Amino acid sequence: MLLKDCPVSAALRCISGKWKPIILHELKSGPLSFGQLLRRIPEASHKVLTEQLRQLQAAGIVTKTTSRPIVMRSEYALSELGQTLRPILNQLANWGQEAKQRERKASASSMRTKATQRN
């Protein structure tokens, strides 16, 4: 199968990026302002977060609503298409939790092995 024909490749073109999956994970619980996203993803720079949100908007996965009660406020949410990613994001988060546990166990086992070898 050619890369351009692969459905997994098509999906990853839409949601891949250093912060896109994390942005989507944060938005699956409901709409958030840009400031809230920055606080929830502190490692992402303002510039990169803006770029990734624009790319997700262009892909039709995220919507942006701007309101002006007193100050201009933008809120981001999963679009109808983005909502279809929720089960996948939940499964990915569960898999990630299990992977973290495996890493901890492997690390602890490795430390015990090294300690045993030193003695």
N, C-alpha and C. Protein backbone atom coordinates (compact mmCIF):
# COMPACT_ATOMS: atom_id res chain seq x y z
N MET A 1 0.85 -1.17 0.00
CA MET A 1 0.00 0.00 0.00
C MET A 1 0.90 1.24 0.00
N LEU A 2 0.55 2.17 -0.84
CA LEU A 2 1.29 3.42 -0.88
C LEU A 2 0.94 4.29 0.32
N LEU A 3 1.90 5.05 0.78
CA LEU A 3 1.70 5.91 1.94
C LEU A 3 0.50 6.83 1.75
N LYS A 4 0.35 7.39 0.55
CA LYS A 4 -0.76 8.32 0.30
C LYS A 4 -2.12 7.63 0.33
N ASP A 5 -2.15 6.30 0.17
CA ASP A 5 -3.39 5.55 0.18
C ASP A 5 -3.72 4.96 1.55
N CYS A 6 -2.79 5.03 2.47
CA CYS A 6 -2.97 4.40 3.78
C CYS A 6 -3.92 5.24 4.64
N PRO A 7 -4.99 4.65 5.16
CA PRO A 7 -5.92 5.42 6.00
C PRO A 7 -5.30 5.90 7.31
N VAL A 8 -4.36 5.14 7.86
CA VAL A 8 -3.69 5.57 9.09
C VAL A 8 -2.85 6.81 8.80
N SER A 9 -2.19 6.82 7.66
CA SER A 9 -1.40 7.98 7.27
C SER A 9 -2.29 9.21 7.10
N ALA A 10 -3.47 9.04 6.51
CA ALA A 10 -4.41 10.15 6.34
C ALA A 10 -4.84 10.70 7.69
N ALA A 11 -5.12 9.82 8.64
CA ALA A 11 -5.53 10.24 9.98
C ALA A 11 -4.39 11.00 10.66
N LEU A 12 -3.19 10.46 10.56
CA LEU A 12 -2.05 11.10 11.22
C LEU A 12 -1.71 12.45 10.61
N ARG A 13 -1.95 12.62 9.32
CA ARG A 13 -1.71 13.93 8.71
C ARG A 13 -2.59 15.00 9.38
N CYS A 14 -3.77 14.61 9.80
CA CYS A 14 -4.70 15.56 10.44
C CYS A 14 -4.35 15.84 11.89
N ILE A 15 -3.92 14.82 12.61
CA ILE A 15 -3.77 14.99 14.07
C ILE A 15 -2.35 14.86 14.58
N SER A 16 -1.38 14.67 13.68
CA SER A 16 -0.01 14.54 14.18
C SER A 16 0.60 15.91 14.40
N GLY A 17 1.55 15.94 15.25
CA GLY A 17 2.23 17.16 15.65
C GLY A 17 2.56 17.00 17.12
N LYS A 18 3.49 17.76 17.58
CA LYS A 18 3.93 17.60 18.97
C LYS A 18 2.80 17.83 19.96
N TRP A 19 1.92 18.81 19.68
CA TRP A 19 0.91 19.19 20.66
C TRP A 19 -0.52 18.87 20.25
N LYS A 20 -0.77 18.56 18.98
CA LYS A 20 -2.14 18.33 18.53
C LYS A 20 -2.87 17.24 19.31
N PRO A 21 -2.29 16.07 19.52
CA PRO A 21 -3.02 15.06 20.29
C PRO A 21 -3.32 15.52 21.72
N ILE A 22 -2.42 16.29 22.31
CA ILE A 22 -2.63 16.78 23.68
C ILE A 22 -3.73 17.85 23.68
N ILE A 23 -3.73 18.71 22.68
CA ILE A 23 -4.79 19.72 22.55
C ILE A 23 -6.14 19.01 22.44
N LEU A 24 -6.21 18.02 21.57
CA LEU A 24 -7.46 17.28 21.38
C LEU A 24 -7.88 16.58 22.66
N HIS A 25 -6.92 16.03 23.38
CA HIS A 25 -7.24 15.37 24.65
C HIS A 25 -7.84 16.37 25.64
N GLU A 26 -7.29 17.57 25.68
CA GLU A 26 -7.82 18.60 26.59
C GLU A 26 -9.20 19.07 26.16
N LEU A 27 -9.44 19.16 24.87
CA LEU A 27 -10.72 19.67 24.37
C LEU A 27 -11.84 18.63 24.41
N LYS A 28 -11.48 17.36 24.60
CA LYS A 28 -12.54 16.34 24.59
C LYS A 28 -13.49 16.48 25.77
N SER A 29 -13.08 17.18 26.81
CA SER A 29 -13.94 17.40 27.96
C SER A 29 -14.85 18.60 27.78
N GLY A 30 -14.57 19.44 26.80
CA GLY A 30 -15.40 20.61 26.56
C GLY A 30 -14.57 21.79 26.07
N PRO A 31 -15.24 22.86 25.67
CA PRO A 31 -14.55 24.04 25.14
C PRO A 31 -13.62 24.69 26.16
N LEU A 32 -12.52 25.25 25.64
CA LEU A 32 -11.55 25.94 26.48
C LEU A 32 -11.08 27.20 25.77
N SER A 33 -10.75 28.20 26.54
CA SER A 33 -10.16 29.41 25.96
C SER A 33 -8.69 29.14 25.65
N PHE A 34 -8.10 30.05 24.88
CA PHE A 34 -6.69 29.91 24.55
C PHE A 34 -5.84 29.92 25.83
N GLY A 35 -6.17 30.82 26.74
CA GLY A 35 -5.43 30.91 28.01
C GLY A 35 -5.53 29.62 28.82
N GLN A 36 -6.71 29.03 28.85
CA GLN A 36 -6.88 27.76 29.57
C GLN A 36 -6.02 26.67 28.94
N LEU A 37 -5.99 26.63 27.61
CA LEU A 37 -5.15 25.64 26.93
C LEU A 37 -3.68 25.85 27.27
N LEU A 38 -3.25 27.11 27.27
CA LEU A 38 -1.85 27.41 27.62
C LEU A 38 -1.52 26.94 29.03
N ARG A 39 -2.44 27.14 29.96
CA ARG A 39 -2.20 26.70 31.34
C ARG A 39 -2.20 25.18 31.45
N ARG A 40 -3.03 24.51 30.67
CA ARG A 40 -3.10 23.04 30.73
C ARG A 40 -1.94 22.38 29.99
N ILE A 41 -1.35 23.12 29.06
CA ILE A 41 -0.21 22.59 28.28
C ILE A 41 0.93 23.60 28.41
N PRO A 42 1.52 23.73 29.59
CA PRO A 42 2.51 24.79 29.82
C PRO A 42 3.79 24.66 29.01
N GLU A 43 4.10 23.46 28.54
CA GLU A 43 5.33 23.28 27.77
C GLU A 43 5.21 23.82 26.35
N ALA A 44 3.98 24.01 25.87
CA ALA A 44 3.77 24.52 24.51
C ALA A 44 3.90 26.03 24.51
N SER A 45 4.65 26.56 23.56
CA SER A 45 4.78 28.01 23.46
C SER A 45 3.50 28.60 22.86
N HIS A 46 3.30 29.88 23.10
CA HIS A 46 2.14 30.60 22.57
C HIS A 46 2.08 30.42 21.05
N LYS A 47 3.21 30.62 20.40
CA LYS A 47 3.30 30.55 18.93
C LYS A 47 2.93 29.16 18.41
N VAL A 48 3.50 28.14 19.00
CA VAL A 48 3.25 26.77 18.53
C VAL A 48 1.82 26.36 18.81
N LEU A 49 1.30 26.71 19.96
CA LEU A 49 -0.09 26.38 20.28
C LEU A 49 -1.03 27.04 19.26
N THR A 50 -0.76 28.30 18.93
CA THR A 50 -1.56 29.01 17.93
C THR A 50 -1.50 28.29 16.59
N GLU A 51 -0.30 27.92 16.16
CA GLU A 51 -0.13 27.23 14.87
C GLU A 51 -0.88 25.91 14.85
N GLN A 52 -0.74 25.13 15.91
CA GLN A 52 -1.37 23.81 15.95
C GLN A 52 -2.90 23.94 15.97
N LEU A 53 -3.41 24.93 16.71
CA LEU A 53 -4.86 25.17 16.72
C LEU A 53 -5.36 25.57 15.34
N ARG A 54 -4.62 26.41 14.64
CA ARG A 54 -5.00 26.81 13.28
C ARG A 54 -5.02 25.61 12.34
N GLN A 55 -4.04 24.72 12.48
CA GLN A 55 -4.00 23.53 11.63
C GLN A 55 -5.18 22.61 11.93
N LEU A 56 -5.53 22.47 13.21
CA LEU A 56 -6.69 21.65 13.58
C LEU A 56 -7.98 22.28 13.08
N GLN A 57 -8.05 23.60 13.08
CA GLN A 57 -9.21 24.29 12.52
C GLN A 57 -9.29 24.05 11.01
N ALA A 58 -8.17 24.18 10.33
CA ALA A 58 -8.13 23.98 8.87
C ALA A 58 -8.56 22.56 8.50
N ALA A 59 -8.24 21.60 9.37
CA ALA A 59 -8.62 20.20 9.12
C ALA A 59 -10.08 19.95 9.48
N GLY A 60 -10.74 20.94 10.08
CA GLY A 60 -12.14 20.80 10.45
C GLY A 60 -12.37 20.03 11.73
N ILE A 61 -11.33 19.86 12.55
CA ILE A 61 -11.41 19.07 13.77
C ILE A 61 -11.74 19.94 14.98
N VAL A 62 -11.32 21.20 14.93
CA VAL A 62 -11.54 22.14 16.04
C VAL A 62 -12.26 23.38 15.50
N THR A 63 -13.15 23.91 16.30
CA THR A 63 -13.80 25.17 15.95
C THR A 63 -13.33 26.26 16.91
N LYS A 64 -13.39 27.49 16.43
CA LYS A 64 -13.02 28.65 17.24
C LYS A 64 -14.20 29.60 17.25
N THR A 65 -14.62 29.97 18.44
CA THR A 65 -15.70 30.94 18.60
C THR A 65 -15.13 32.15 19.31
N THR A 66 -15.37 33.31 18.75
CA THR A 66 -14.87 34.55 19.35
C THR A 66 -16.04 35.38 19.83
N SER A 67 -15.95 35.85 21.07
CA SER A 67 -17.00 36.70 21.63
C SER A 67 -16.37 37.96 22.22
N ARG A 68 -17.18 39.00 22.38
CA ARG A 68 -16.68 40.27 22.91
C ARG A 68 -17.61 40.81 23.99
N PRO A 69 -17.71 40.16 25.13
CA PRO A 69 -18.51 40.78 26.18
C PRO A 69 -17.84 42.06 26.67
N ILE A 70 -16.62 41.96 27.08
CA ILE A 70 -15.84 43.13 27.50
C ILE A 70 -14.51 43.10 26.76
N VAL A 71 -13.87 41.96 26.83
CA VAL A 71 -12.60 41.75 26.14
C VAL A 71 -12.82 40.63 25.13
N MET A 72 -12.09 40.70 24.03
CA MET A 72 -12.23 39.64 23.03
C MET A 72 -11.74 38.33 23.63
N ARG A 73 -12.58 37.30 23.51
CA ARG A 73 -12.25 36.00 24.07
C ARG A 73 -12.51 34.95 23.00
N SER A 74 -11.52 34.09 22.77
CA SER A 74 -11.68 33.00 21.82
C SER A 74 -11.80 31.70 22.59
N GLU A 75 -12.70 30.88 22.12
CA GLU A 75 -12.91 29.58 22.75
C GLU A 75 -12.79 28.52 21.69
N TYR A 76 -12.09 27.46 22.03
CA TYR A 76 -11.87 26.35 21.11
C TYR A 76 -12.64 25.14 21.59
N ALA A 77 -13.18 24.40 20.63
CA ALA A 77 -13.94 23.19 20.95
C ALA A 77 -13.77 22.19 19.82
N LEU A 78 -14.03 20.93 20.13
CA LEU A 78 -14.03 19.93 19.08
C LEU A 78 -15.23 20.17 18.18
N SER A 79 -15.01 20.11 16.89
CA SER A 79 -16.10 20.24 15.93
C SER A 79 -16.90 18.93 15.94
N GLU A 80 -17.90 18.86 15.09
CA GLU A 80 -18.65 17.61 14.97
C GLU A 80 -17.71 16.48 14.53
N LEU A 81 -16.84 16.78 13.59
CA LEU A 81 -15.85 15.80 13.15
C LEU A 81 -14.89 15.47 14.30
N GLY A 82 -14.46 16.48 15.03
CA GLY A 82 -13.55 16.28 16.16
C GLY A 82 -14.17 15.41 17.25
N GLN A 83 -15.48 15.53 17.44
CA GLN A 83 -16.17 14.71 18.45
C GLN A 83 -16.04 13.22 18.12
N THR A 84 -15.91 12.89 16.85
CA THR A 84 -15.77 11.47 16.48
C THR A 84 -14.44 10.90 16.93
N LEU A 85 -13.50 11.76 17.30
CA LEU A 85 -12.20 11.33 17.80
C LEU A 85 -12.22 10.97 19.28
N ARG A 86 -13.27 11.35 20.01
CA ARG A 86 -13.31 11.15 21.46
C ARG A 86 -13.03 9.70 21.87
N PRO A 87 -13.69 8.69 21.28
CA PRO A 87 -13.39 7.31 21.71
C PRO A 87 -11.93 6.92 21.44
N ILE A 88 -11.40 7.41 20.33
CA ILE A 88 -10.00 7.11 19.99
C ILE A 88 -9.07 7.78 20.99
N LEU A 89 -9.36 9.03 21.35
CA LEU A 89 -8.54 9.75 22.34
C LEU A 89 -8.59 9.06 23.70
N ASN A 90 -9.77 8.58 24.08
CA ASN A 90 -9.90 7.84 25.35
C ASN A 90 -9.07 6.57 25.32
N GLN A 91 -9.14 5.83 24.21
CA GLN A 91 -8.36 4.60 24.10
C GLN A 91 -6.87 4.90 24.10
N LEU A 92 -6.47 5.96 23.42
CA LEU A 92 -5.05 6.35 23.38
C LEU A 92 -4.57 6.73 24.78
N ALA A 93 -5.40 7.45 25.54
CA ALA A 93 -5.04 7.83 26.91
C ALA A 93 -4.90 6.58 27.79
N ASN A 94 -5.83 5.64 27.65
CA ASN A 94 -5.74 4.39 28.42
C ASN A 94 -4.48 3.62 28.06
N TRP A 95 -4.18 3.53 26.77
CA TRP A 95 -2.98 2.83 26.33
C TRP A 95 -1.74 3.53 26.89
N GLY A 96 -1.75 4.86 26.89
CA GLY A 96 -0.62 5.63 27.43
C GLY A 96 -0.42 5.39 28.92
N GLN A 97 -1.52 5.28 29.68
CA GLN A 97 -1.42 4.98 31.11
C GLN A 97 -0.76 3.62 31.32
N GLU A 98 -1.19 2.65 30.54
CA GLU A 98 -0.60 1.31 30.65
C GLU A 98 0.88 1.34 30.26
N ALA A 99 1.21 2.11 29.23
CA ALA A 99 2.61 2.22 28.80
C ALA A 99 3.47 2.84 29.89
N LYS A 100 2.93 3.86 30.57
CA LYS A 100 3.67 4.49 31.67
C LYS A 100 3.92 3.48 32.79
N GLN A 101 2.93 2.65 33.10
CA GLN A 101 3.09 1.63 34.13
C GLN A 101 4.15 0.61 33.72
N ARG A 102 4.12 0.20 32.45
CA ARG A 102 5.14 -0.75 31.96
C ARG A 102 6.53 -0.15 32.06
N GLU A 103 6.65 1.14 31.70
CA GLU A 103 7.95 1.82 31.78
C GLU A 103 8.45 1.87 33.22
N ARG A 104 7.55 2.19 34.15
CA ARG A 104 7.95 2.24 35.57
C ARG A 104 8.42 0.89 36.06
N LYS A 105 7.67 -0.17 35.68
CA LYS A 105 8.05 -1.52 36.10
C LYS A 105 9.39 -1.91 35.49
N ALA A 106 9.58 -1.60 34.22
CA ALA A 106 10.84 -1.93 33.56
C ALA A 106 11.99 -1.16 34.18
N SER A 107 11.77 0.10 34.51
CA SER A 107 12.80 0.92 35.13
C SER A 107 13.15 0.39 36.51
N ALA A 108 12.14 0.03 37.29
CA ALA A 108 12.38 -0.51 38.63
C ALA A 108 13.12 -1.83 38.54
N SER A 109 12.74 -2.66 37.58
CA SER A 109 13.41 -3.95 37.39
C SER A 109 14.86 -3.74 36.98
N SER A 110 15.09 -2.78 36.10
CA SER A 110 16.44 -2.47 35.64
C SER A 110 17.30 -1.97 36.80
N MET A 111 16.73 -1.15 37.67
CA MET A 111 17.48 -0.63 38.82
C MET A 111 17.83 -1.76 39.78
N ARG A 112 16.88 -2.70 39.98
CA ARG A 112 17.16 -3.84 40.86
C ARG A 112 18.26 -4.72 40.28
N THR A 113 18.22 -4.91 38.97
CA THR A 113 19.24 -5.72 38.30
C THR A 113 20.62 -5.08 38.44
N LYS A 114 20.69 -3.78 38.24
CA LYS A 114 21.97 -3.05 38.37
C LYS A 114 22.47 -3.13 39.80
N ALA A 115 21.60 -2.99 40.77
CA ALA A 115 22.00 -3.07 42.18
C ALA A 115 22.52 -4.46 42.52
N THR A 116 21.88 -5.48 41.98
CA THR A 116 22.30 -6.86 42.21
C THR A 116 23.66 -7.12 41.60
N GLN A 117 23.89 -6.56 40.38
CA GLN A 117 25.17 -6.75 39.70
C GLN A 117 26.31 -6.07 40.43
N ARG A 118 26.04 -4.97 41.10
CA ARG A 118 27.08 -4.26 41.84
C ARG A 118 27.51 -5.03 43.07
N ASN A 119 26.58 -5.79 43.64
CA ASN A 119 26.89 -6.51 44.89
C ASN A 119 27.60 -7.77 44.62
